[in-house]
Structures are given as structure tokens and as C-alpha cells.
PDB file of N, CA and C in Angstrom:
ATOM      1  N   MET A   1      19.434  -8.898  39.897  1.00  0.00           N
ATOM      2  CA  MET A   1      18.858  -8.947  38.701  1.00  0.00           C
ATOM      3  C   MET A   1      17.749  -9.691  38.866  1.00  0.00           C
ATOM      4  N   ARG A   2      17.779 -10.631  39.384  1.00  0.00           N
ATOM      5  CA  ARG A   2      16.513 -11.549  39.861  1.00  0.00           C
ATOM      6  C   ARG A   2      15.063 -11.144  40.077  1.00  0.00           C
ATOM      7  N   VAL A   3      15.319 -10.316  41.033  1.00  0.00           N
ATOM      8  CA  VAL A   3      14.521  -9.096  41.549  1.00  0.00           C
ATOM      9  C   VAL A   3      13.962  -8.303  40.794  1.00  0.00           C
ATOM     10  N   ALA A   4      14.634  -7.374  39.947  1.00  0.00           N
ATOM     11  CA  ALA A   4      14.222  -6.369  39.173  1.00  0.00           C
ATOM     12  C   ALA A   4      13.150  -7.326  38.376  1.00  0.00           C
ATOM     13  N   GLY A   5      13.591  -8.526  37.780  1.00  0.00           N
ATOM     14  CA  GLY A   5      12.279  -8.918  36.629  1.00  0.00           C
ATOM     15  C   GLY A   5      11.667  -9.242  37.541  1.00  0.00           C
ATOM     16  N   ALA A   6      11.378 -10.239  38.578  1.00  0.00           N
ATOM     17  CA  ALA A   6      10.176 -10.116  39.013  1.00  0.00           C
ATOM     18  C   ALA A   6       9.376  -9.038  39.451  1.00  0.00           C
ATOM     19  N   ALA A   7       9.839  -7.879  40.078  1.00  0.00           N
ATOM     20  CA  ALA A   7       9.469  -6.569  40.530  1.00  0.00           C
ATOM     21  C   ALA A   7       8.588  -6.271  39.124  1.00  0.00           C
ATOM     22  N   LYS A   8       8.939  -6.063  37.329  1.00  0.00           N
ATOM     23  CA  LYS A   8       8.567  -6.045  36.239  1.00  0.00           C
ATOM     24  C   LYS A   8       7.436  -6.849  36.155  1.00  0.00           C
ATOM     25  N   LEU A   9       7.410  -8.043  36.226  1.00  0.00           N
ATOM     26  CA  LEU A   9       6.247  -8.934  36.367  1.00  0.00           C
ATOM     27  C   LEU A   9       5.201  -8.781  37.013  1.00  0.00           C
ATOM     28  N   MET A  10       5.306  -8.456  38.245  1.00  0.00           N
ATOM     29  CA  MET A  10       4.118  -8.328  39.098  1.00  0.00           C
ATOM     30  C   MET A  10       3.432  -6.649  38.686  1.00  0.00           C
ATOM     31  N   VAL A  11       4.642  -5.592  38.437  1.00  0.00           N
ATOM     32  CA  VAL A  11       3.809  -4.656  37.425  1.00  0.00           C
ATOM     33  C   VAL A  11       3.284  -4.790  36.325  1.00  0.00           C
ATOM     34  N   ALA A  12       3.043  -5.978  35.420  1.00  0.00           N
ATOM     35  CA  ALA A  12       3.145  -5.866  33.987  1.00  0.00           C
ATOM     36  C   ALA A  12       1.666  -6.705  34.585  1.00  0.00           C
ATOM     37  N   ALA A  13       1.681  -7.724  35.496  1.00  0.00           N
ATOM     38  CA  ALA A  13       0.291  -8.124  36.352  1.00  0.00           C
ATOM     39  C   ALA A  13      -0.722  -7.490  36.657  1.00  0.00           C
ATOM     40  N   ALA A  14      -0.120  -6.310  37.741  1.00  0.00           N
ATOM     41  CA  ALA A  14      -1.058  -5.310  38.125  1.00  0.00           C
ATOM     42  C   ALA A  14      -1.528  -4.558  36.962  1.00  0.00           C
ATOM     43  N   VAL A  15      -0.821  -4.168  36.230  1.00  0.00           N
ATOM     44  CA  VAL A  15      -1.372  -3.174  35.121  1.00  0.00           C
ATOM     45  C   VAL A  15      -2.627  -3.959  34.219  1.00  0.00           C
ATOM     46  N   PHE A  16      -2.345  -5.328  34.019  1.00  0.00           N
ATOM     47  CA  PHE A  16      -3.270  -5.903  32.965  1.00  0.00           C
ATOM     48  C   PHE A  16      -4.567  -5.890  33.986  1.00  0.00           C
ATOM     49  N   VAL A  17      -4.629  -6.377  35.137  1.00  0.00           N
ATOM     50  CA  VAL A  17      -5.651  -6.919  36.111  1.00  0.00           C
ATOM     51  C   VAL A  17      -6.116  -5.524  35.928  1.00  0.00           C
ATOM     52  N   LEU A  18      -5.677  -3.890  36.495  1.00  0.00           N
ATOM     53  CA  LEU A  18      -6.293  -2.953  36.171  1.00  0.00           C
ATOM     54  C   LEU A  18      -7.337  -2.633  35.149  1.00  0.00           C
ATOM     55  N   THR A  19      -5.947  -2.855  34.322  1.00  0.00           N
ATOM     56  CA  THR A  19      -6.940  -2.403  32.880  1.00  0.00           C
ATOM     57  C   THR A  19      -8.075  -3.492  32.527  1.00  0.00           C
ATOM     58  N   PHE A  20      -7.785  -4.844  32.479  1.00  0.00           N
ATOM     59  CA  PHE A  20      -9.350  -5.341  32.579  1.00  0.00           C
ATOM     60  C   PHE A  20     -10.534  -5.079  33.644  1.00  0.00           C
ATOM     61  N   CYS A  21     -10.188  -4.315  34.824  1.00  0.00           N
ATOM     62  CA  CYS A  21     -11.434  -3.822  35.792  1.00  0.00           C
ATOM     63  C   CYS A  21     -11.986  -2.481  34.944  1.00  0.00           C
ATOM     64  N   VAL A  22     -10.985  -1.720  34.448  1.00  0.00           N
ATOM     65  CA  VAL A  22     -11.441  -0.473  34.034  1.00  0.00           C
ATOM     66  C   VAL A  22     -12.459  -0.785  32.658  1.00  0.00           C
ATOM     67  N   ILE A  23     -11.863  -1.738  32.285  1.00  0.00           N
ATOM     68  CA  ILE A  23     -12.505  -2.004  30.659  1.00  0.00           C
ATOM     69  C   ILE A  23     -13.995  -2.805  31.001  1.00  0.00           C
ATOM     70  N   SER A  24     -14.137  -3.994  31.971  1.00  0.00           N
ATOM     71  CA  SER A  24     -15.201  -4.450  32.263  1.00  0.00           C
ATOM     72  C   SER A  24     -16.143  -3.328  32.842  1.00  0.00           C
ATOM     73  N   GLN A  25     -15.563  -2.178  33.183  1.00  0.00           N
ATOM     74  CA  GLN A  25     -16.367  -1.171  34.237  1.00  0.00           C
ATOM     75  C   GLN A  25     -17.324  -0.171  33.048  1.00  0.00           C
ATOM     76  N   VAL A  26     -16.507   0.005  31.950  1.00  0.00           N
ATOM     77  CA  VAL A  26     -16.916   0.851  30.996  1.00  0.00           C
ATOM     78  C   VAL A  26     -17.907   0.010  30.402  1.00  0.00           C
ATOM     79  N   PHE A  27     -17.950  -0.931  29.963  1.00  0.00           N
ATOM     80  CA  PHE A  27     -18.543  -1.518  29.047  1.00  0.00           C
ATOM     81  C   PHE A  27     -19.094  -2.614  29.974  1.00  0.00           C
ATOM     82  N   GLU A  28     -19.614  -2.475  30.522  1.00  0.00           N
ATOM     83  CA  GLU A  28     -20.535  -2.726  31.930  1.00  0.00           C
ATOM     84  C   GLU A  28     -20.547  -4.676  31.489  1.00  0.00           C
ATOM     85  N   ILE A  29     -19.434  -5.348  31.769  1.00  0.00           N
ATOM     86  CA  ILE A  29     -19.405  -6.699  31.581  1.00  0.00           C
ATOM     87  C   ILE A  29     -19.467  -7.293  32.771  1.00  0.00           C
ATOM     88  N   LYS A  30     -20.690  -8.352  32.490  1.00  0.00           N
ATOM     89  CA  LYS A  30     -21.221  -8.995  33.875  1.00  0.00           C
ATOM     90  C   LYS A  30     -20.452  -9.973  33.969  1.00  0.00           C
ATOM     91  N   MET A  31     -19.363 -10.132  35.138  1.00  0.00           N
ATOM     92  CA  MET A  31     -18.763 -11.320  35.141  1.00  0.00           C
ATOM     93  C   MET A  31     -19.532 -12.903  36.130  1.00  0.00           C
ATOM     94  N   ASP A  32     -20.612 -12.339  36.222  1.00  0.00           N
ATOM     95  CA  ASP A  32     -21.022 -13.801  36.983  1.00  0.00           C
ATOM     96  C   ASP A  32     -21.785 -14.883  36.281  1.00  0.00           C
ATOM     97  N   ALA A  33     -21.590 -15.105  34.775  1.00  0.00           N
ATOM     98  CA  ALA A  33     -21.791 -16.272  34.146  1.00  0.00           C
ATOM     99  C   ALA A  33     -20.808 -17.024  33.844  1.00  0.00           C
ATOM    100  N   SER A  34     -21.220 -18.236  33.273  1.00  0.00           N
ATOM    101  CA  SER A  34     -20.017 -19.125  32.710  1.00  0.00           C
ATOM    102  C   SER A  34     -19.649 -19.233  31.380  1.00  0.00           C
ATOM    103  N   LEU A  35     -18.660 -19.653  30.801  1.00  0.00           N
ATOM    104  CA  LEU A  35     -18.527 -19.827  29.427  1.00  0.00           C
ATOM    105  C   LEU A  35     -19.422 -20.169  28.755  1.00  0.00           C
ATOM    106  N   GLY A  36     -19.776 -21.032  29.148  1.00  0.00           N
ATOM    107  CA  GLY A  36     -21.180 -22.392  28.777  1.00  0.00           C
ATOM    108  C   GLY A  36     -22.481 -21.331  28.245  1.00  0.00           C
ATOM    109  N   ASN A  37     -22.781 -20.686  29.282  1.00  0.00           N
ATOM    110  CA  ASN A  37     -23.789 -19.780  29.079  1.00  0.00           C
ATOM    111  C   ASN A  37     -23.679 -18.933  28.554  1.00  0.00           C
ATOM    112  N   LEU A  38     -22.678 -17.968  28.141  1.00  0.00           N
ATOM    113  CA  LEU A  38     -22.537 -16.715  26.917  1.00  0.00           C
ATOM    114  C   LEU A  38     -22.710 -17.371  25.880  1.00  0.00           C
ATOM    115  N   PHE A  39     -22.218 -18.608  25.788  1.00  0.00           N
ATOM    116  CA  PHE A  39     -22.144 -18.961  24.483  1.00  0.00           C
ATOM    117  C   PHE A  39     -23.887 -19.787  23.953  1.00  0.00           C
ATOM    118  N   ALA A  40     -24.402 -19.960  24.934  1.00  0.00           N
ATOM    119  CA  ALA A  40     -25.979 -20.605  24.951  1.00  0.00           C
ATOM    120  C   ALA A  40     -27.001 -19.395  24.944  1.00  0.00           C
ATOM    121  N   GLN A  41     -26.631 -18.051  25.204  1.00  0.00           N
ATOM    122  CA  GLN A  41     -27.246 -17.031  25.479  1.00  0.00           C
ATOM    123  C   GLN A  41     -26.919 -16.299  24.017  1.00  0.00           C
ATOM    124  N   SER A  42     -25.612 -16.115  23.463  1.00  0.00           N
ATOM    125  CA  SER A  42     -25.625 -15.840  22.665  1.00  0.00           C
ATOM    126  C   SER A  42     -26.488 -15.934  20.949  1.00  0.00           C
ATOM    127  N   VAL A  43     -26.807 -17.484  21.410  1.00  0.00           N
ATOM    128  CA  VAL A  43     -27.383 -18.070  20.382  1.00  0.00           C
ATOM    129  C   VAL A  43     -28.571 -17.805  20.119  1.00  0.00           C
ATOM    130  N   LEU A  44     -29.632 -17.892  21.766  1.00  0.00           N
ATOM    131  CA  LEU A  44     -31.026 -17.486  21.882  1.00  0.00           C
ATOM    132  C   LEU A  44     -30.720 -16.065  21.735  1.00  0.00           C
ATOM    133  N   ASP A  45     -30.003 -15.194  21.416  1.00  0.00           N
ATOM    134  CA  ASP A  45     -30.421 -13.480  21.551  1.00  0.00           C
ATOM    135  C   ASP A  45     -30.662 -13.614  19.902  1.00  0.00           C
ATOM    136  N   SER A  46     -29.592 -14.399  18.842  1.00  0.00           N
ATOM    137  CA  SER A  46     -29.493 -13.918  17.822  1.00  0.00           C
ATOM    138  C   SER A  46     -30.847 -14.585  16.933  1.00  0.00           C
ATOM    139  N   ALA A  47     -31.167 -15.570  17.798  1.00  0.00           N
ATOM    140  CA  ALA A  47     -32.724 -16.185  17.434  1.00  0.00           C
ATOM    141  C   ALA A  47     -33.902 -15.408  17.597  1.00  0.00           C
ATOM    142  N   THR A  48     -33.821 -15.011  18.560  1.00  0.00           N
ATOM    143  CA  THR A  48     -35.109 -14.164  18.710  1.00  0.00           C
ATOM    144  C   THR A  48     -34.540 -12.440  18.533  1.00  0.00           C
ATOM    145  N   HIS A  49     -33.519 -11.969  18.098  1.00  0.00           N
ATOM    146  CA  HIS A  49     -33.330 -10.417  17.491  1.00  0.00           C
ATOM    147  C   HIS A  49     -34.263 -10.464  16.210  1.00  0.00           C
ATOM    148  N   SER A  50     -34.604  -9.497  15.665  1.00  0.00           N
ATOM    149  CA  SER A  50     -35.502  -8.905  14.952  1.00  0.00           C
ATOM    150  C   SER A  50     -34.804  -8.053  14.058  1.00  0.00           C
ATOM    151  N   THR A  51     -34.609  -8.288  12.549  1.00  0.00           N
ATOM    152  CA  THR A  51     -33.898  -7.109  11.864  1.00  0.00           C
ATOM    153  C   THR A  51     -34.720  -6.139  11.907  1.00  0.00           C
ATOM    154  N   LYS A  52     -35.809  -6.005  11.536  1.00  0.00           N
ATOM    155  CA  LYS A  52     -36.339  -5.014  11.454  1.00  0.00           C
ATOM    156  C   LYS A  52     -36.386  -3.781  12.731  1.00  0.00           C
ATOM    157  N   PRO A  53     -36.156  -2.359  12.621  1.00  0.00           N
ATOM    158  CA  PRO A  53     -36.452  -1.837  13.346  1.00  0.00           C
ATOM    159  C   PRO A  53     -37.465  -1.308  14.121  1.00  0.00           C
ATOM    160  N   PRO A  54     -37.491  -1.113  15.310  1.00  0.00           N
ATOM    161  CA  PRO A  54     -38.942  -0.820  15.774  1.00  0.00           C
ATOM    162  C   PRO A  54     -39.743   0.562  15.270  1.00  0.00           C
ATOM    163  N   ARG A  55     -40.856   0.373  14.920  1.00  0.00           N
ATOM    164  CA  ARG A  55     -41.612   1.799  14.316  1.00  0.00           C
ATOM    165  C   ARG A  55     -42.222   2.885  15.569  1.00  0.00           C
ATOM    166  N   TYR A  56     -41.774   3.918  15.016  1.00  0.00           N
ATOM    167  CA  TYR A  56     -42.450   4.732  16.473  1.00  0.00           C
ATOM    168  C   TYR A  56     -43.356   5.482  15.728  1.00  0.00           C
ATOM    169  N   LYS A  57     -44.635   6.298  16.557  1.00  0.00           N
ATOM    170  CA  LYS A  57     -45.301   6.962  15.813  1.00  0.00           C
ATOM    171  C   LYS A  57     -44.989   7.976  15.467  1.00  0.00           C
ATOM    172  N   CYS A  58     -45.341   8.621  13.552  1.00  0.00           N
ATOM    173  CA  CYS A  58     -44.892   9.446  12.982  1.00  0.00           C
ATOM    174  C   CYS A  58     -43.766   9.123  12.605  1.00  0.00           C
ATOM    175  N   GLY A  59     -42.887   7.933  12.410  1.00  0.00           N
ATOM    176  CA  GLY A  59     -41.620   7.432  11.762  1.00  0.00           C
ATOM    177  C   GLY A  59     -40.884   8.513  12.656  1.00  0.00           C
ATOM    178  N   ILE A  60     -40.887   8.665  13.724  1.00  0.00           N
ATOM    179  CA  ILE A  60     -39.690   9.482  14.452  1.00  0.00           C
ATOM    180  C   ILE A  60     -38.753   8.237  14.791  1.00  0.00           C
ATOM    181  N   SER A  61     -37.436   8.655  15.157  1.00  0.00           N
ATOM    182  CA  SER A  61     -36.367   8.005  15.492  1.00  0.00           C
ATOM    183  C   SER A  61     -36.516   7.323  16.680  1.00  0.00           C
ATOM    184  N   LYS A  62     -37.361   7.679  17.695  1.00  0.00           N
ATOM    185  CA  LYS A  62     -37.180   7.262  19.294  1.00  0.00           C
ATOM    186  C   LYS A  62     -38.668   7.502  20.092  1.00  0.00           C
ATOM    187  N   ALA A  63     -38.723   6.552  20.629  1.00  0.00           N
ATOM    188  CA  ALA A  63     -40.392   6.961  21.426  1.00  0.00           C
ATOM    189  C   ALA A  63     -40.373   8.028  22.348  1.00  0.00           C
ATOM    190  N   CYS A  64     -40.962   8.734  22.130  1.00  0.00           N
ATOM    191  CA  CYS A  64     -41.653   9.896  23.052  1.00  0.00           C
ATOM    192  C   CYS A  64     -41.868   9.310  24.716  1.00  0.00           C
ATOM    193  N   PRO A  65     -41.490  10.407  25.409  1.00  0.00           N
ATOM    194  CA  PRO A  65     -41.480   9.842  26.683  1.00  0.00           C
ATOM    195  C   PRO A  65     -43.107   9.951  26.687  1.00  0.00           C
ATOM    196  N   GLU A  66     -43.450   9.383  28.163  1.00  0.00           N
ATOM    197  CA  GLU A  66     -44.757   9.955  28.675  1.00  0.00           C
ATOM    198  C   GLU A  66     -45.151  11.193  28.891  1.00  0.00           C
ATOM    199  N   LYS A  67     -46.407  11.295  28.580  1.00  0.00           N
ATOM    200  CA  LYS A  67     -47.041  12.690  28.625  1.00  0.00           C
ATOM    201  C   LYS A  67     -46.626  13.518  27.303  1.00  0.00           C
ATOM    202  N   HIS A  68     -45.885  12.796  26.619  1.00  0.00           N
ATOM    203  CA  HIS A  68     -45.385  13.932  25.515  1.00  0.00           C
ATOM    204  C   HIS A  68     -46.005  13.608  23.969  1.00  0.00           C
ATOM    205  N   PHE A  69     -46.179  13.942  23.003  1.00  0.00           N
ATOM    206  CA  PHE A  69     -46.556  14.086  22.001  1.00  0.00           C
ATOM    207  C   PHE A  69     -45.788  13.705  20.696  1.00  0.00           C
ATOM    208  N   ALA A  70     -45.940  12.538  20.076  1.00  0.00           N
ATOM    209  CA  ALA A  70     -44.834  12.375  18.769  1.00  0.00           C
ATOM    210  C   ALA A  70     -45.599  13.349  18.009  1.00  0.00           C
ATOM    211  N   PHE A  71     -44.853  14.223  17.390  1.00  0.00           N
ATOM    212  CA  PHE A  71     -44.936  15.541  16.311  1.00  0.00           C
ATOM    213  C   PHE A  71     -43.822  15.191  15.057  1.00  0.00           C
ATOM    214  N   GLU A  72     -44.224  15.356  13.829  1.00  0.00           N
ATOM    215  CA  GLU A  72     -43.126  15.657  12.841  1.00  0.00           C
ATOM    216  C   GLU A  72     -43.739  16.675  11.954  1.00  0.00           C
ATOM    217  N   MET A  73     -42.877  17.304  11.638  1.00  0.00           N
ATOM    218  CA  MET A  73     -43.116  18.181  10.682  1.00  0.00           C
ATOM    219  C   MET A  73     -41.970  18.607   9.190  1.00  0.00           C
ATOM    220  N   ALA A  74     -42.305  18.488   8.303  1.00  0.00           N
ATOM    221  CA  ALA A  74     -41.210  18.637   7.009  1.00  0.00           C
ATOM    222  C   ALA A  74     -41.674  19.406   6.475  1.00  0.00           C
ATOM    223  N   SER A  75     -40.869  20.681   6.000  1.00  0.00           N
ATOM    224  CA  SER A  75     -41.070  21.407   5.020  1.00  0.00           C
ATOM    225  C   SER A  75     -41.350  21.060   3.546  1.00  0.00           C
ATOM    226  N   GLY A  76     -40.880  20.448   2.935  1.00  0.00           N
ATOM    227  CA  GLY A  76     -41.009  19.730   1.804  1.00  0.00           C
ATOM    228  C   GLY A  76     -39.646  20.421   1.121  1.00  0.00           C
ATOM    229  N   ALA A  77     -39.699  20.068  -0.249  1.00  0.00           N
ATOM    230  CA  ALA A  77     -38.618  20.924  -1.302  1.00  0.00           C
ATOM    231  C   ALA A  77     -39.092  21.470  -2.378  1.00  0.00           C
ATOM    232  N   ALA A  78     -39.131  22.403  -2.727  1.00  0.00           N
ATOM    233  CA  ALA A  78     -39.606  23.265  -3.564  1.00  0.00           C
ATOM    234  C   ALA A  78     -40.826  23.406  -4.267  1.00  0.00           C
ATOM    235  N   ASN A  79     -41.382  22.641  -5.284  1.00  0.00           N
ATOM    236  CA  ASN A  79     -42.124  21.666  -5.988  1.00  0.00           C
ATOM    237  C   ASN A  79     -42.141  20.350  -5.825  1.00  0.00           C
ATOM    238  N   VAL A  80     -41.083  19.603  -5.904  1.00  0.00           N
ATOM    239  CA  VAL A  80     -40.899  18.514  -6.163  1.00  0.00           C
ATOM    240  C   VAL A  80     -41.573  17.924  -4.848  1.00  0.00           C
ATOM    241  N   VAL A  81     -41.395  17.871  -3.545  1.00  0.00           N
ATOM    242  CA  VAL A  81     -42.110  16.860  -2.520  1.00  0.00           C
ATOM    243  C   VAL A  81     -42.764  18.500  -1.626  1.00  0.00           C
ATOM    244  N   GLY A  82     -43.973  17.748  -1.189  1.00  0.00           N
ATOM    245  CA  GLY A  82     -44.823  18.528  -0.382  1.00  0.00           C
ATOM    246  C   GLY A  82     -44.520  18.876   1.281  1.00  0.00           C
ATOM    247  N   PRO A  83     -45.072  19.830   1.783  1.00  0.00           N
ATOM    248  CA  PRO A  83     -44.899  19.663   3.132  1.00  0.00           C
ATOM    249  C   PRO A  83     -46.069  18.436   3.658  1.00  0.00           C
ATOM    250  N   LYS A  84     -45.603  17.954   5.056  1.00  0.00           N
ATOM    251  CA  LYS A  84     -45.785  16.931   5.803  1.00  0.00           C
ATOM    252  C   LYS A  84     -46.002  17.564   7.304  1.00  0.00           C
ATOM    253  N   ILE A  85     -46.936  17.738   8.085  1.00  0.00           N
ATOM    254  CA  ILE A  85     -47.061  17.737   9.184  1.00  0.00           C
ATOM    255  C   ILE A  85     -48.029  16.345  10.007  1.00  0.00           C
ATOM    256  N   CYS A  86     -47.499  15.894  11.242  1.00  0.00           N
ATOM    257  CA  CYS A  86     -48.437  14.415  11.634  1.00  0.00           C
ATOM    258  C   CYS A  86     -48.068  14.727  13.344  1.00  0.00           C
ATOM    259  N   LEU A  87     -49.217  14.234  13.886  1.00  0.00           N
ATOM    260  CA  LEU A  87     -49.184  14.336  15.532  1.00  0.00           C
ATOM    261  C   LEU A  87     -49.809  13.041  15.566  1.00  0.00           C
ATOM    262  N   GLU A  88     -49.006  12.128  16.270  1.00  0.00           N
ATOM    263  CA  GLU A  88     -49.533  11.188  16.873  1.00  0.00           C
ATOM    264  C   GLU A  88     -49.900  10.065  16.244  1.00  0.00           C
ATOM    265  N   ASP A  89     -49.168   9.699  15.079  1.00  0.00           N
ATOM    266  CA  ASP A  89     -49.339   8.988  14.206  1.00  0.00           C
ATOM    267  C   ASP A  89     -50.564   9.298  12.941  1.00  0.00           C
ATOM    268  N   ASN A  90     -51.034  10.526  13.061  1.00  0.00           N
ATOM    269  CA  ASN A  90     -52.283  11.038  12.127  1.00  0.00           C
ATOM    270  C   ASN A  90     -51.593  12.211  11.420  1.00  0.00           C
ATOM    271  N   VAL A  91     -51.788  11.898   9.889  1.00  0.00           N
ATOM    272  CA  VAL A  91     -51.082  13.128   8.941  1.00  0.00           C
ATOM    273  C   VAL A  91     -51.869  13.867   9.147  1.00  0.00           C
ATOM    274  N   LEU A  92     -51.810  14.989   9.446  1.00  0.00           N
ATOM    275  CA  LEU A  92     -52.702  16.105   9.450  1.00  0.00           C
ATOM    276  C   LEU A  92     -53.080  17.155   8.213  1.00  0.00           C
ATOM    277  N   MET A  93     -51.532  16.889   7.727  1.00  0.00           N
ATOM    278  CA  MET A  93     -51.291  18.068   6.223  1.00  0.00           C
ATOM    279  C   MET A  93     -50.000  17.006   5.488  1.00  0.00           C
ATOM    280  N   SER A  94     -50.242  16.760   4.421  1.00  0.00           N
ATOM    281  CA  SER A  94     -49.334  15.613   3.695  1.00  0.00           C
ATOM    282  C   SER A  94     -49.399  16.217   1.923  1.00  0.00           C
ATOM    283  N   GLU A  95     -48.599  16.123   1.098  1.00  0.00           N
ATOM    284  CA  GLU A  95     -48.654  16.114  -0.512  1.00  0.00           C
ATOM    285  C   GLU A  95     -50.111  15.513  -0.713  1.00  0.00           C
ATOM    286  N   GLU A  96     -50.236  14.417  -0.304  1.00  0.00           N
ATOM    287  CA  GLU A  96     -51.408  13.574  -0.999  1.00  0.00           C
ATOM    288  C   GLU A  96     -52.538  13.964  -0.375  1.00  0.00           C
ATOM    289  N   ARG A  97     -52.878  14.676   1.093  1.00  0.00           N
ATOM    290  CA  ARG A  97     -54.115  15.146   1.305  1.00  0.00           C
ATOM    291  C   ARG A  97     -54.221  16.857   0.851  1.00  0.00           C
ATOM    292  N   ASN A  98     -53.009  17.543   0.750  1.00  0.00           N
ATOM    293  CA  ASN A  98     -53.161  18.832   0.628  1.00  0.00           C
ATOM    294  C   ASN A  98     -53.920  19.636   0.709  1.00  0.00           C
ATOM    295  N   ALA A  99     -54.194  19.448   2.282  1.00  0.00           N
ATOM    296  CA  ALA A  99     -55.098  20.559   2.875  1.00  0.00           C
ATOM    297  C   ALA A  99     -54.834  20.139   4.161  1.00  0.00           C
ATOM    298  N   LEU A 100     -55.411  21.247   5.330  1.00  0.00           N
ATOM    299  CA  LEU A 100     -55.334  21.004   6.463  1.00  0.00           C
ATOM    300  C   LEU A 100     -56.269  20.448   6.822  1.00  0.00           C
TER     301      LEU A 100
END
């Protein structure tokens, strides 16, 4: 009876360690830092972290790769919102400009 209990304990420990290893690989957790360094680093990160999202050319959601142009075109909405064309942060056509 004691052998079965020890075997169950060993299996549970192995499953726990295996689960921890898989989770640390999936979430890319680095284990080379001590607990004190982790707390100090999190305080520094929160102090330097800006609350404003980065601004990219033409207001697009992510930066363009090298040798590519930032381009946005919006067709507008009936008579309410006019069309807009933006290329490399230069507005070529908009409701305010009303021309090409």
C-alpha cells in the first residue's frame, strides 16, 4: 500500500514539473533572474512605460516594414464623412482639402 502512495506522489510531482516546463516554454519565461531582480525590474518597467500608444504614419495600427510606404484610404460615409487618402503622413485628399 505504501509503494502505491509513493508512486502516485512521484507521478504527481513529474506531472507538475512537466506542466511548469511546458508553460515556461510557451510563455517564454526566463528563469535566470532572482525574485528580487524581478520585483525591481517590474517597478522600473512601470515607471518608464508610457500610457500613450505609439503613433505611426497616417495613423495606421502598426509600423510599415523597410522599403514599404505607409498608405491609408477611407471612402467616407455618404454625405456625412468625406473620403481621405494619406501617403507617408501626407494627406493627399480629405474632407477639409476637398481636392486632389
